[in-house]
N, C-alpha and C. Protein backbone atom coordinates (compact mmCIF):
# COMPACT_ATOMS: atom_id res chain seq x y z
N MET A 1 184.05 100.83 -88.06
CA MET A 1 185.41 101.11 -88.48
C MET A 1 185.90 100.00 -89.41
N LYS A 2 186.37 100.40 -90.59
CA LYS A 2 186.88 99.42 -91.53
C LYS A 2 188.30 99.02 -91.13
N LEU A 3 188.52 97.72 -91.16
CA LEU A 3 189.85 97.20 -90.84
C LEU A 3 190.68 97.09 -92.11
N GLU A 4 191.98 97.27 -91.95
CA GLU A 4 192.90 97.00 -93.05
C GLU A 4 193.05 95.49 -93.16
N VAL A 5 193.54 95.02 -94.29
CA VAL A 5 193.68 93.58 -94.52
C VAL A 5 194.59 92.95 -93.47
N PHE A 6 195.71 93.57 -93.16
CA PHE A 6 196.62 92.99 -92.16
C PHE A 6 195.94 92.88 -90.80
N GLU A 7 195.06 93.83 -90.46
CA GLU A 7 194.36 93.77 -89.18
C GLU A 7 193.38 92.60 -89.16
N ILE A 8 192.75 92.35 -90.28
CA ILE A 8 191.84 91.20 -90.38
C ILE A 8 192.61 89.91 -90.14
N PHE A 9 193.79 89.78 -90.78
CA PHE A 9 194.57 88.56 -90.60
C PHE A 9 195.18 88.46 -89.20
N GLU A 10 195.50 89.59 -88.58
CA GLU A 10 195.99 89.57 -87.19
C GLU A 10 194.91 89.03 -86.26
N ARG A 11 193.70 89.55 -86.42
CA ARG A 11 192.59 89.10 -85.56
C ARG A 11 192.20 87.67 -85.88
N PHE A 12 192.31 87.29 -87.14
CA PHE A 12 192.06 85.90 -87.54
C PHE A 12 193.01 84.97 -86.79
N ALA A 13 194.28 85.34 -86.72
CA ALA A 13 195.30 84.50 -86.06
C ALA A 13 195.03 84.34 -84.56
N GLU A 14 194.30 85.27 -83.96
CA GLU A 14 193.99 85.20 -82.53
C GLU A 14 192.85 84.23 -82.22
N LYS A 15 192.10 83.84 -83.23
CA LYS A 15 190.97 82.93 -83.01
C LYS A 15 191.53 81.56 -82.60
N LYS A 16 190.84 80.94 -81.66
CA LYS A 16 191.35 79.70 -81.07
C LYS A 16 190.95 78.44 -81.85
N THR A 17 189.70 78.39 -82.28
CA THR A 17 189.22 77.16 -82.92
C THR A 17 189.08 77.33 -84.43
N ARG A 18 189.08 76.22 -85.09
CA ARG A 18 188.89 76.18 -86.54
C ARG A 18 187.56 76.83 -86.92
N LYS A 19 186.52 76.51 -86.15
CA LYS A 19 185.19 77.04 -86.42
C LYS A 19 185.18 78.57 -86.30
N GLU A 20 185.85 79.09 -85.27
CA GLU A 20 185.94 80.55 -85.09
C GLU A 20 186.69 81.20 -86.26
N LYS A 21 187.76 80.55 -86.71
CA LYS A 21 188.55 81.09 -87.82
C LYS A 21 187.73 81.14 -89.10
N ILE A 22 187.00 80.08 -89.38
CA ILE A 22 186.17 80.03 -90.58
C ILE A 22 185.09 81.10 -90.51
N GLN A 23 184.43 81.21 -89.36
CA GLN A 23 183.38 82.22 -89.20
C GLN A 23 183.95 83.63 -89.33
N TYR A 24 185.13 83.85 -88.78
CA TYR A 24 185.75 85.18 -88.87
C TYR A 24 186.03 85.56 -90.33
N LEU A 25 186.53 84.60 -91.10
CA LEU A 25 186.75 84.88 -92.53
C LEU A 25 185.43 85.17 -93.24
N LYS A 26 184.40 84.41 -92.92
CA LYS A 26 183.09 84.66 -93.53
C LYS A 26 182.58 86.05 -93.16
N ASP A 27 182.79 86.45 -91.92
CA ASP A 27 182.34 87.76 -91.46
C ASP A 27 183.14 88.90 -92.09
N ASN A 28 184.34 88.60 -92.54
CA ASN A 28 185.21 89.60 -93.16
C ASN A 28 185.45 89.27 -94.62
N ASN A 29 184.42 88.83 -95.27
CA ASN A 29 184.46 88.41 -96.66
C ASN A 29 184.48 89.64 -97.58
N ILE A 30 185.67 90.21 -97.72
CA ILE A 30 185.84 91.36 -98.62
C ILE A 30 186.74 90.93 -99.77
N PRO A 31 186.65 91.57 -100.92
CA PRO A 31 187.43 91.15 -102.09
C PRO A 31 188.93 91.05 -101.84
N ALA A 32 189.52 91.99 -101.10
CA ALA A 32 190.96 91.95 -100.86
C ALA A 32 191.38 90.71 -100.07
N VAL A 33 190.60 90.34 -99.07
CA VAL A 33 190.91 89.14 -98.27
C VAL A 33 190.78 87.89 -99.14
N ARG A 34 189.70 87.82 -99.91
CA ARG A 34 189.53 86.67 -100.82
C ARG A 34 190.68 86.59 -101.83
N ASP A 35 191.09 87.74 -102.38
CA ASP A 35 192.17 87.73 -103.36
C ASP A 35 193.50 87.27 -102.76
N VAL A 36 193.77 87.68 -101.53
CA VAL A 36 195.00 87.22 -100.86
C VAL A 36 194.93 85.70 -100.64
N CYS A 37 193.79 85.22 -100.16
CA CYS A 37 193.62 83.77 -99.94
C CYS A 37 193.78 83.01 -101.25
N ARG A 38 193.17 83.53 -102.30
CA ARG A 38 193.26 82.87 -103.61
C ARG A 38 194.70 82.91 -104.13
N GLY A 39 195.36 84.04 -103.97
CA GLY A 39 196.75 84.15 -104.43
C GLY A 39 197.67 83.15 -103.75
N ILE A 40 197.41 82.87 -102.50
CA ILE A 40 198.25 81.93 -101.76
C ILE A 40 197.96 80.49 -102.16
N TYR A 41 196.68 80.14 -102.31
CA TYR A 41 196.32 78.72 -102.43
C TYR A 41 195.80 78.26 -103.80
N ASP A 42 195.53 79.15 -104.73
CA ASP A 42 195.02 78.70 -106.03
C ASP A 42 196.20 78.34 -106.93
N GLU A 43 196.40 77.05 -107.15
CA GLU A 43 197.54 76.57 -107.93
C GLU A 43 197.45 76.95 -109.40
N ARG A 44 196.27 77.36 -109.85
CA ARG A 44 196.12 77.77 -111.25
C ARG A 44 196.77 79.12 -111.51
N LEU A 45 196.98 79.90 -110.47
CA LEU A 45 197.60 81.22 -110.62
C LEU A 45 199.12 81.06 -110.64
N GLU A 46 199.74 81.66 -111.65
CA GLU A 46 201.20 81.62 -111.76
C GLU A 46 201.71 83.06 -111.67
N PHE A 47 202.37 83.38 -110.55
CA PHE A 47 202.88 84.73 -110.36
C PHE A 47 204.10 84.96 -111.25
N ILE A 48 204.21 86.15 -111.81
CA ILE A 48 205.33 86.48 -112.70
C ILE A 48 206.23 87.55 -112.08
N ILE A 49 206.14 87.69 -110.77
CA ILE A 49 206.98 88.61 -110.01
C ILE A 49 208.23 87.83 -109.59
N PRO A 50 209.43 88.43 -109.72
CA PRO A 50 210.65 87.71 -109.32
C PRO A 50 210.62 87.28 -107.85
N GLU A 51 211.30 86.18 -107.55
CA GLU A 51 211.40 85.67 -106.19
C GLU A 51 212.11 86.69 -105.28
N GLY A 52 211.83 86.59 -104.01
CA GLY A 52 212.52 87.43 -103.03
C GLY A 52 211.82 88.74 -102.77
N LYS A 53 212.40 89.51 -101.89
CA LYS A 53 211.82 90.80 -101.49
C LYS A 53 212.21 91.87 -102.52
N PRO A 54 211.23 92.56 -103.07
CA PRO A 54 211.54 93.58 -104.07
C PRO A 54 212.16 94.83 -103.45
N PRO A 55 212.88 95.61 -104.25
CA PRO A 55 213.49 96.84 -103.74
C PRO A 55 212.45 97.97 -103.68
N TYR A 56 211.86 98.13 -102.52
CA TYR A 56 210.85 99.18 -102.36
C TYR A 56 211.06 99.87 -101.02
N THR A 57 210.48 101.05 -100.90
CA THR A 57 210.55 101.81 -99.66
C THR A 57 209.20 101.75 -98.98
N PRO A 58 209.10 101.03 -97.86
CA PRO A 58 207.81 100.94 -97.17
C PRO A 58 207.30 102.32 -96.76
N ASN A 59 206.02 102.49 -96.87
CA ASN A 59 205.40 103.76 -96.49
C ASN A 59 205.31 103.86 -94.98
N LYS A 60 205.11 105.07 -94.48
CA LYS A 60 204.89 105.27 -93.05
C LYS A 60 203.46 104.87 -92.74
N PRO A 61 203.24 104.06 -91.72
CA PRO A 61 201.88 103.58 -91.41
C PRO A 61 200.85 104.69 -91.25
N GLU A 62 201.28 105.85 -90.76
CA GLU A 62 200.31 106.92 -90.50
C GLU A 62 200.01 107.77 -91.73
N SER A 63 200.72 107.53 -92.84
CA SER A 63 200.50 108.41 -94.00
C SER A 63 200.38 107.65 -95.33
N VAL A 64 199.74 106.51 -95.31
CA VAL A 64 199.60 105.75 -96.55
C VAL A 64 198.53 106.37 -97.45
N PRO A 65 198.85 106.54 -98.74
CA PRO A 65 197.89 107.17 -99.63
C PRO A 65 196.75 106.25 -100.09
N SER A 66 196.94 104.96 -99.94
CA SER A 66 195.90 104.03 -100.38
C SER A 66 195.83 102.86 -99.42
N SER A 67 195.08 101.83 -99.80
CA SER A 67 194.98 100.63 -98.96
C SER A 67 194.87 99.41 -99.86
N LEU A 68 195.15 98.27 -99.27
CA LEU A 68 195.05 97.02 -100.02
C LEU A 68 193.60 96.73 -100.39
N THR A 69 192.67 97.26 -99.62
CA THR A 69 191.26 97.05 -99.97
C THR A 69 190.89 97.76 -101.27
N ARG A 70 191.68 98.75 -101.67
CA ARG A 70 191.46 99.41 -102.96
C ARG A 70 192.42 98.91 -104.03
N LYS A 71 193.66 98.65 -103.65
CA LYS A 71 194.71 98.33 -104.62
C LYS A 71 194.76 96.85 -105.01
N HIS A 72 193.98 95.99 -104.35
CA HIS A 72 194.04 94.56 -104.67
C HIS A 72 193.65 94.30 -106.13
N ARG A 73 192.98 95.26 -106.75
CA ARG A 73 192.58 95.10 -108.16
C ARG A 73 193.80 94.99 -109.08
N ASP A 74 194.94 95.48 -108.62
CA ASP A 74 196.17 95.39 -109.42
C ASP A 74 196.77 93.99 -109.43
N PHE A 75 196.28 93.09 -108.60
CA PHE A 75 196.83 91.73 -108.53
C PHE A 75 196.83 91.04 -109.90
N GLY A 76 195.90 91.40 -110.75
CA GLY A 76 195.82 90.79 -112.08
C GLY A 76 197.08 91.01 -112.92
N TYR A 77 197.81 92.07 -112.63
CA TYR A 77 199.07 92.32 -113.35
C TYR A 77 200.17 91.34 -112.95
N PHE A 78 200.05 90.74 -111.79
CA PHE A 78 201.15 89.96 -111.22
C PHE A 78 201.06 88.47 -111.51
N VAL A 79 199.99 88.05 -112.19
CA VAL A 79 199.84 86.64 -112.55
C VAL A 79 199.85 86.50 -114.07
N LYS A 80 200.29 85.35 -114.50
CA LYS A 80 200.31 85.07 -115.93
C LYS A 80 198.88 85.04 -116.45
N GLY A 81 198.61 85.81 -117.50
CA GLY A 81 197.25 85.84 -118.03
C GLY A 81 196.98 87.06 -118.87
N ALA A 82 195.71 87.33 -119.05
CA ALA A 82 195.25 88.36 -119.98
C ALA A 82 195.81 89.74 -119.69
N VAL A 83 195.73 90.21 -118.45
CA VAL A 83 196.18 91.56 -118.13
C VAL A 83 197.69 91.68 -118.26
N SER A 84 198.42 90.71 -117.71
CA SER A 84 199.88 90.80 -117.72
C SER A 84 200.47 90.52 -119.10
N ALA A 85 199.77 89.77 -119.94
CA ALA A 85 200.29 89.43 -121.26
C ALA A 85 200.49 90.68 -122.12
N GLN A 86 199.77 91.72 -121.83
CA GLN A 86 199.84 92.94 -122.62
C GLN A 86 200.86 93.94 -122.08
N GLN A 87 201.59 93.57 -121.02
CA GLN A 87 202.52 94.49 -120.37
C GLN A 87 203.94 93.91 -120.39
N PRO A 88 204.94 94.78 -120.60
CA PRO A 88 206.32 94.30 -120.46
C PRO A 88 206.65 94.02 -118.99
N GLN A 89 207.58 93.11 -118.76
CA GLN A 89 207.92 92.70 -117.41
C GLN A 89 208.34 93.86 -116.52
N TYR A 90 209.12 94.80 -117.06
CA TYR A 90 209.58 95.92 -116.23
C TYR A 90 208.39 96.75 -115.72
N LYS A 91 207.35 96.88 -116.53
CA LYS A 91 206.18 97.65 -116.12
C LYS A 91 205.40 96.92 -115.03
N ILE A 92 205.30 95.61 -115.16
CA ILE A 92 204.62 94.80 -114.14
C ILE A 92 205.33 94.94 -112.80
N GLU A 93 206.65 94.86 -112.83
CA GLU A 93 207.43 94.98 -111.60
C GLU A 93 207.31 96.39 -111.02
N ARG A 94 207.24 97.41 -111.87
CA ARG A 94 207.07 98.78 -111.40
C ARG A 94 205.70 98.96 -110.74
N ILE A 95 204.66 98.38 -111.33
CA ILE A 95 203.31 98.45 -110.75
C ILE A 95 203.31 97.77 -109.38
N PHE A 96 204.01 96.63 -109.27
CA PHE A 96 204.10 95.91 -108.00
C PHE A 96 204.75 96.78 -106.92
N ILE A 97 205.87 97.39 -107.27
CA ILE A 97 206.57 98.24 -106.30
C ILE A 97 205.72 99.45 -105.93
N GLN A 98 205.05 100.05 -106.90
CA GLN A 98 204.18 101.20 -106.61
C GLN A 98 203.05 100.80 -105.66
N LEU A 99 202.49 99.60 -105.87
CA LEU A 99 201.44 99.12 -104.97
C LEU A 99 202.00 98.98 -103.56
N LEU A 100 203.16 98.34 -103.43
CA LEU A 100 203.76 98.12 -102.11
C LEU A 100 204.04 99.44 -101.39
N GLU A 101 204.45 100.44 -102.14
CA GLU A 101 204.79 101.73 -101.54
C GLU A 101 203.57 102.58 -101.22
N ALA A 102 202.41 102.22 -101.78
CA ALA A 102 201.20 103.01 -101.58
C ALA A 102 200.33 102.52 -100.43
N ILE A 103 200.61 101.33 -99.93
CA ILE A 103 199.74 100.73 -98.91
C ILE A 103 200.48 100.64 -97.57
N HIS A 104 199.75 100.28 -96.54
CA HIS A 104 200.33 100.11 -95.20
C HIS A 104 201.47 99.09 -95.28
N PRO A 105 202.58 99.34 -94.58
CA PRO A 105 203.72 98.42 -94.67
C PRO A 105 203.40 96.97 -94.30
N GLU A 106 202.46 96.77 -93.39
CA GLU A 106 202.10 95.39 -93.03
C GLU A 106 201.27 94.73 -94.13
N ASP A 107 200.46 95.51 -94.83
CA ASP A 107 199.75 94.98 -95.99
C ASP A 107 200.73 94.69 -97.12
N ALA A 108 201.77 95.50 -97.23
CA ALA A 108 202.80 95.25 -98.24
C ALA A 108 203.48 93.90 -97.97
N GLU A 109 203.75 93.61 -96.70
CA GLU A 109 204.36 92.32 -96.34
C GLU A 109 203.43 91.16 -96.68
N ILE A 110 202.14 91.34 -96.43
CA ILE A 110 201.16 90.30 -96.78
C ILE A 110 201.15 90.07 -98.28
N THR A 111 201.26 91.14 -99.06
CA THR A 111 201.26 91.03 -100.52
C THR A 111 202.51 90.30 -101.01
N ILE A 112 203.66 90.65 -100.45
CA ILE A 112 204.91 89.96 -100.81
C ILE A 112 204.81 88.49 -100.46
N ASP A 113 204.30 88.19 -99.27
CA ASP A 113 204.13 86.79 -98.84
C ASP A 113 203.16 86.06 -99.76
N MET A 114 202.09 86.73 -100.19
CA MET A 114 201.11 86.09 -101.08
C MET A 114 201.79 85.66 -102.38
N VAL A 115 202.59 86.54 -102.96
CA VAL A 115 203.26 86.23 -104.21
C VAL A 115 204.23 85.05 -104.03
N GLN A 116 204.76 84.90 -102.83
CA GLN A 116 205.67 83.78 -102.53
C GLN A 116 204.92 82.59 -101.92
N ARG A 117 203.59 82.72 -101.89
CA ARG A 117 202.69 81.67 -101.41
C ARG A 117 202.93 81.30 -99.94
N LYS A 118 203.17 82.33 -99.14
CA LYS A 118 203.31 82.14 -97.69
C LYS A 118 202.04 82.68 -97.04
N ALA A 119 201.39 81.85 -96.28
CA ALA A 119 200.11 82.22 -95.66
C ALA A 119 200.31 82.94 -94.33
N PRO A 120 199.38 83.85 -94.01
CA PRO A 120 199.38 84.44 -92.66
C PRO A 120 199.20 83.34 -91.60
N LYS A 121 199.60 83.63 -90.40
CA LYS A 121 199.54 82.66 -89.30
C LYS A 121 198.14 82.07 -89.16
N GLY A 122 198.07 80.74 -89.16
CA GLY A 122 196.82 80.02 -88.93
C GLY A 122 195.95 79.81 -90.16
N LEU A 123 196.32 80.41 -91.29
CA LEU A 123 195.51 80.29 -92.50
C LEU A 123 195.95 79.07 -93.30
N THR A 124 195.04 78.10 -93.42
CA THR A 124 195.33 76.90 -94.20
C THR A 124 194.41 76.82 -95.41
N LYS A 125 194.80 76.01 -96.35
CA LYS A 125 193.98 75.83 -97.55
C LYS A 125 192.60 75.30 -97.18
N LYS A 126 192.55 74.38 -96.25
CA LYS A 126 191.28 73.78 -95.83
C LYS A 126 190.34 74.82 -95.22
N ILE A 127 190.89 75.71 -94.41
CA ILE A 127 190.07 76.78 -93.80
C ILE A 127 189.54 77.71 -94.89
N VAL A 128 190.39 78.05 -95.86
CA VAL A 128 189.96 78.92 -96.96
C VAL A 128 188.85 78.24 -97.76
N GLU A 129 189.01 76.95 -98.04
CA GLU A 129 188.00 76.22 -98.81
C GLU A 129 186.66 76.16 -98.07
N GLU A 130 186.72 76.07 -96.76
CA GLU A 130 185.47 76.02 -95.98
C GLU A 130 184.82 77.40 -95.85
N ALA A 131 185.65 78.44 -95.70
CA ALA A 131 185.12 79.78 -95.56
C ALA A 131 184.58 80.32 -96.89
N PHE A 132 185.30 80.03 -97.96
CA PHE A 132 184.93 80.51 -99.31
C PHE A 132 184.88 79.31 -100.26
N PRO A 133 183.79 78.53 -100.22
CA PRO A 133 183.72 77.26 -100.95
C PRO A 133 184.03 77.31 -102.45
N LYS A 134 183.68 78.37 -103.13
CA LYS A 134 183.86 78.40 -104.58
C LYS A 134 185.14 79.14 -105.01
N LEU A 135 185.89 79.64 -104.07
CA LEU A 135 187.05 80.47 -104.39
C LEU A 135 188.15 79.72 -105.13
N LEU A 136 188.46 78.53 -104.71
CA LEU A 136 189.59 77.80 -105.28
C LEU A 136 189.19 76.75 -106.31
N SER A 137 187.91 76.61 -106.57
CA SER A 137 187.49 75.57 -107.52
C SER A 137 187.31 76.10 -108.91
């Protein structure tokens, strides 16, 4: 059974030791999890999404049309760089809201927190660097 990103971070938070947390991240090394970790801790990334909680309508958990494991590819629109440079700000913000409304509400919260550089419980930069050594360098 494939876990949603929020479920991975929930189970990660339940791990007791640093070693268990690092191993759990390694065992759940999927692109969406790596992208969330990178979004939170990579200082080279500059988010261009306005501060605060965006005006969106959270989806019902039982009827989400997509998942963060598929939609994480849109993260490139939300940082300053090649993809976002070609888009007007209003379109970037619309894509962000559409992503939030298409995924599980708890994954939407993780995405909002990522843009504001707030880590899930127990996730530190040091743990991310140990679990994914080349991610932040």
